[in-house]
Amino acid sequence: MMKEFTENYKGGLADSCWAYAVGQVSQEVKDLMDVTKECLYIGIEKAVVGNRIGDIGAAIQEYAESRGYGVVRDLVGHGVGPTMHEEPMVPHYGRAGRGLRLKEGMVLTIEPMINTGTWEIDTDMETGWAHKTLDGGLSCQYEHQFVITKDGPVILTSQGEEGTY
């Protein structure tokens, strides 16, 4: 089960998504959850002043695909400011050294959606938010919102974890 958390407190926005295992789950599910969470933190590690958006996606894609997983292309991380889904968009795939250069003070989310099979998904056109994998495989997602500082990324949605990466 995945749960998206979005909060607006006095104009301050927070966006996070976390996957939870409910009951007994297979080793396949556990492995998918582990790799997806690792992808999240690998991406955050690349979110430093001077790097580029493509450095984040390339690192996530390389890690996930090296373990046999697909990285969803249709849904991406994003900037957060006065509104929730702002530029820059932060793909979880791509080429290192490409895209916008990261600057101190940027607030972003990284939210890789990792699949056991193909990266391709289908979106329910009625809601625009219900997604399923095209091949019927499993999918998992984790998300953190963070700010880029001169000392590295600081996670704002730590869910009880240490807030500084």
Protein backbone atom coordinates (compact mmCIF):
# COMPACT_ATOMS: atom_id res chain seq x y z
CA MET A 1 0.00 0.00 0.00
CA MET A 2 1.26 3.50 -0.83
CA LYS A 3 0.09 6.65 0.91
CA GLU A 4 0.63 10.17 -0.43
CA PHE A 5 0.82 12.90 2.20
CA THR A 6 0.35 16.52 1.19
CA GLU A 7 0.10 19.32 3.73
CA ASN A 8 -0.42 23.06 3.50
CA TYR A 9 0.25 24.75 6.83
CA LYS A 10 0.04 28.54 6.69
CA GLY A 11 1.30 28.51 3.12
CA GLY A 12 4.12 26.05 3.77
CA LEU A 13 3.74 23.00 1.55
CA ALA A 14 4.92 19.46 2.27
CA ASP A 15 4.72 16.50 -0.11
CA SER A 16 5.69 12.92 0.70
CA CYS A 17 4.78 9.38 -0.30
CA TRP A 18 5.63 6.20 1.54
CA ALA A 19 5.04 2.51 0.80
CA TYR A 20 3.93 0.13 3.54
CA ALA A 21 3.84 -3.65 3.56
CA VAL A 22 0.51 -4.86 4.88
CA GLY A 23 0.47 -8.38 6.30
CA GLN A 24 2.82 -11.04 4.99
CA VAL A 25 4.39 -10.01 1.70
CA SER A 26 6.58 -11.97 -0.72
CA GLN A 27 10.32 -11.58 -1.05
CA GLU A 28 9.65 -10.00 -4.45
CA VAL A 29 7.64 -7.23 -2.76
CA LYS A 30 10.28 -6.73 -0.05
CA ASP A 31 13.04 -6.48 -2.66
CA LEU A 32 11.03 -4.00 -4.73
CA MET A 33 10.39 -1.85 -1.66
CA ASP A 34 14.08 -1.94 -0.70
CA VAL A 35 15.32 -1.01 -4.18
CA THR A 36 12.75 1.79 -4.49
CA LYS A 37 13.75 3.32 -1.16
CA GLU A 38 17.42 3.00 -2.12
CA CYS A 39 16.63 4.81 -5.41
CA LEU A 40 15.06 7.66 -3.44
CA TYR A 41 18.17 8.20 -1.33
CA ILE A 42 20.53 7.75 -4.30
CA GLY A 43 18.63 10.56 -6.02
CA ILE A 44 18.72 12.79 -2.95
CA GLU A 45 22.48 12.20 -2.68
CA LYS A 46 22.88 13.73 -6.17
CA ALA A 47 20.82 16.84 -5.27
CA VAL A 48 23.72 19.13 -4.42
CA VAL A 49 24.65 22.65 -5.48
CA GLY A 50 26.24 22.57 -8.92
CA ASN A 51 24.86 19.22 -10.05
CA ARG A 52 22.16 19.05 -12.71
CA ILE A 53 18.64 17.61 -12.74
CA GLY A 54 19.88 14.88 -15.09
CA ASP A 55 22.42 13.72 -12.48
CA ILE A 56 19.53 12.76 -10.18
CA GLY A 57 17.60 10.80 -12.78
CA ALA A 58 20.64 9.08 -14.25
CA ALA A 59 21.74 7.80 -10.84
CA ILE A 60 18.27 6.46 -10.03
CA GLN A 61 17.85 4.83 -13.44
CA GLU A 62 21.30 3.23 -13.38
CA TYR A 63 20.73 1.71 -9.95
CA ALA A 64 17.18 0.46 -10.61
CA GLU A 65 17.94 -1.00 -14.03
CA SER A 66 21.13 -2.68 -12.75
CA ARG A 67 18.83 -4.65 -10.45
CA GLY A 68 16.37 -5.53 -13.21
CA TYR A 69 13.64 -2.96 -12.49
CA GLY A 70 11.87 -0.42 -14.69
CA VAL A 71 11.74 3.30 -13.86
CA VAL A 72 8.43 5.01 -14.65
CA ARG A 73 8.90 7.88 -17.11
CA ASP A 74 5.41 9.43 -17.04
CA LEU A 75 5.51 10.64 -13.42
CA VAL A 76 8.31 12.80 -12.05
CA GLY A 77 9.44 14.74 -9.00
CA HIS A 78 9.05 18.50 -8.95
CA GLY A 79 9.80 21.83 -7.40
CA VAL A 80 7.77 23.10 -4.45
CA GLY A 81 7.10 26.77 -3.75
CA PRO A 82 3.88 28.76 -3.43
CA THR A 83 2.17 25.85 -5.23
CA MET A 84 2.79 22.11 -5.03
CA HIS A 85 3.86 20.97 -8.49
CA GLU A 86 6.24 23.60 -9.84
CA GLU A 87 9.21 23.68 -12.15
CA PRO A 88 11.66 22.20 -12.32
CA MET A 89 10.33 18.75 -13.10
CA VAL A 90 12.70 16.08 -11.77
CA PRO A 91 12.70 12.91 -13.91
CA HIS A 92 13.90 9.69 -12.30
CA TYR A 93 15.68 8.64 -15.49
CA GLY A 94 17.92 10.42 -17.94
CA ARG A 95 21.48 11.45 -18.66
CA ALA A 96 23.97 12.86 -16.20
CA GLY A 97 25.21 16.37 -16.90
CA ARG A 98 21.95 17.46 -18.54
CA GLY A 99 19.21 19.80 -17.42
CA LEU A 100 18.92 22.69 -15.02
CA ARG A 101 21.84 23.32 -12.66
CA LEU A 102 20.86 22.88 -8.99
CA LYS A 103 21.14 25.93 -6.74
CA GLU A 104 21.12 26.57 -3.02
CA GLY A 105 17.61 27.19 -1.69
CA MET A 106 15.75 25.07 -4.24
CA VAL A 107 12.97 22.94 -2.71
CA LEU A 108 12.34 19.73 -4.64
CA THR A 109 10.76 16.32 -4.38
CA ILE A 110 12.24 13.09 -5.62
CA GLU A 111 9.62 10.35 -5.91
CA PRO A 112 10.81 7.42 -8.00
CA MET A 113 8.18 4.90 -9.04
CA ILE A 114 9.94 1.60 -9.67
CA ASN A 115 8.33 -1.39 -11.40
CA THR A 116 9.17 -5.09 -11.42
CA GLY A 117 8.80 -5.18 -15.19
CA THR A 118 8.55 -2.52 -17.84
CA TRP A 119 8.65 1.18 -17.00
CA GLU A 120 5.42 1.73 -18.93
CA ILE A 121 2.21 2.63 -17.12
CA ASP A 122 -1.38 3.36 -18.07
CA THR A 123 -3.29 6.25 -16.54
CA ASP A 124 -7.03 6.15 -15.83
CA MET A 125 -8.28 8.99 -18.00
CA GLU A 126 -11.38 9.55 -15.83
CA THR A 127 -9.41 10.46 -12.72
CA GLY A 128 -6.02 11.27 -14.23
CA TRP A 129 -4.41 9.84 -11.07
CA ALA A 130 -5.01 6.08 -11.04
CA HIS A 131 -2.06 4.29 -12.61
CA LYS A 132 -1.23 0.66 -13.36
CA THR A 133 1.71 -1.04 -14.98
CA LEU A 134 1.14 -2.06 -18.59
CA ASP A 135 2.57 -5.53 -18.03
CA GLY A 136 0.71 -6.18 -14.76
CA GLY A 137 3.93 -6.04 -12.73
CA LEU A 138 4.30 -4.63 -9.25
CA SER A 139 5.15 -0.99 -8.59
CA CYS A 140 6.41 0.92 -5.57
CA GLN A 141 7.04 4.57 -4.76
CA TYR A 142 8.74 6.59 -2.03
CA GLU A 143 9.01 10.38 -1.93
CA HIS A 144 10.78 13.01 0.12
CA GLN A 145 10.74 16.78 -0.11
CA PHE A 146 14.03 18.50 0.62
CA VAL A 147 15.86 21.80 0.33
CA ILE A 148 19.26 22.10 -1.30
CA THR A 149 21.76 23.83 1.00
CA LYS A 150 25.45 24.64 0.63
CA ASP A 151 26.07 21.68 2.96
CA GLY A 152 23.92 19.25 0.96
CA PRO A 153 20.24 18.30 0.83
CA VAL A 154 18.14 18.58 3.99
CA ILE A 155 15.07 16.35 4.02
CA LEU A 156 11.93 18.20 5.12
CA THR A 157 9.63 15.15 5.21
CA SER A 158 11.75 12.79 7.25
CA GLN A 159 8.93 10.77 8.90
CA GLY A 160 10.99 10.29 12.03
CA GLU A 161 14.23 9.69 10.18
CA GLU A 162 17.24 11.93 10.50
CA GLY A 163 16.36 15.12 8.58
CA THR A 164 19.82 15.91 7.19
CA TYR A 165 20.99 13.57 4.48
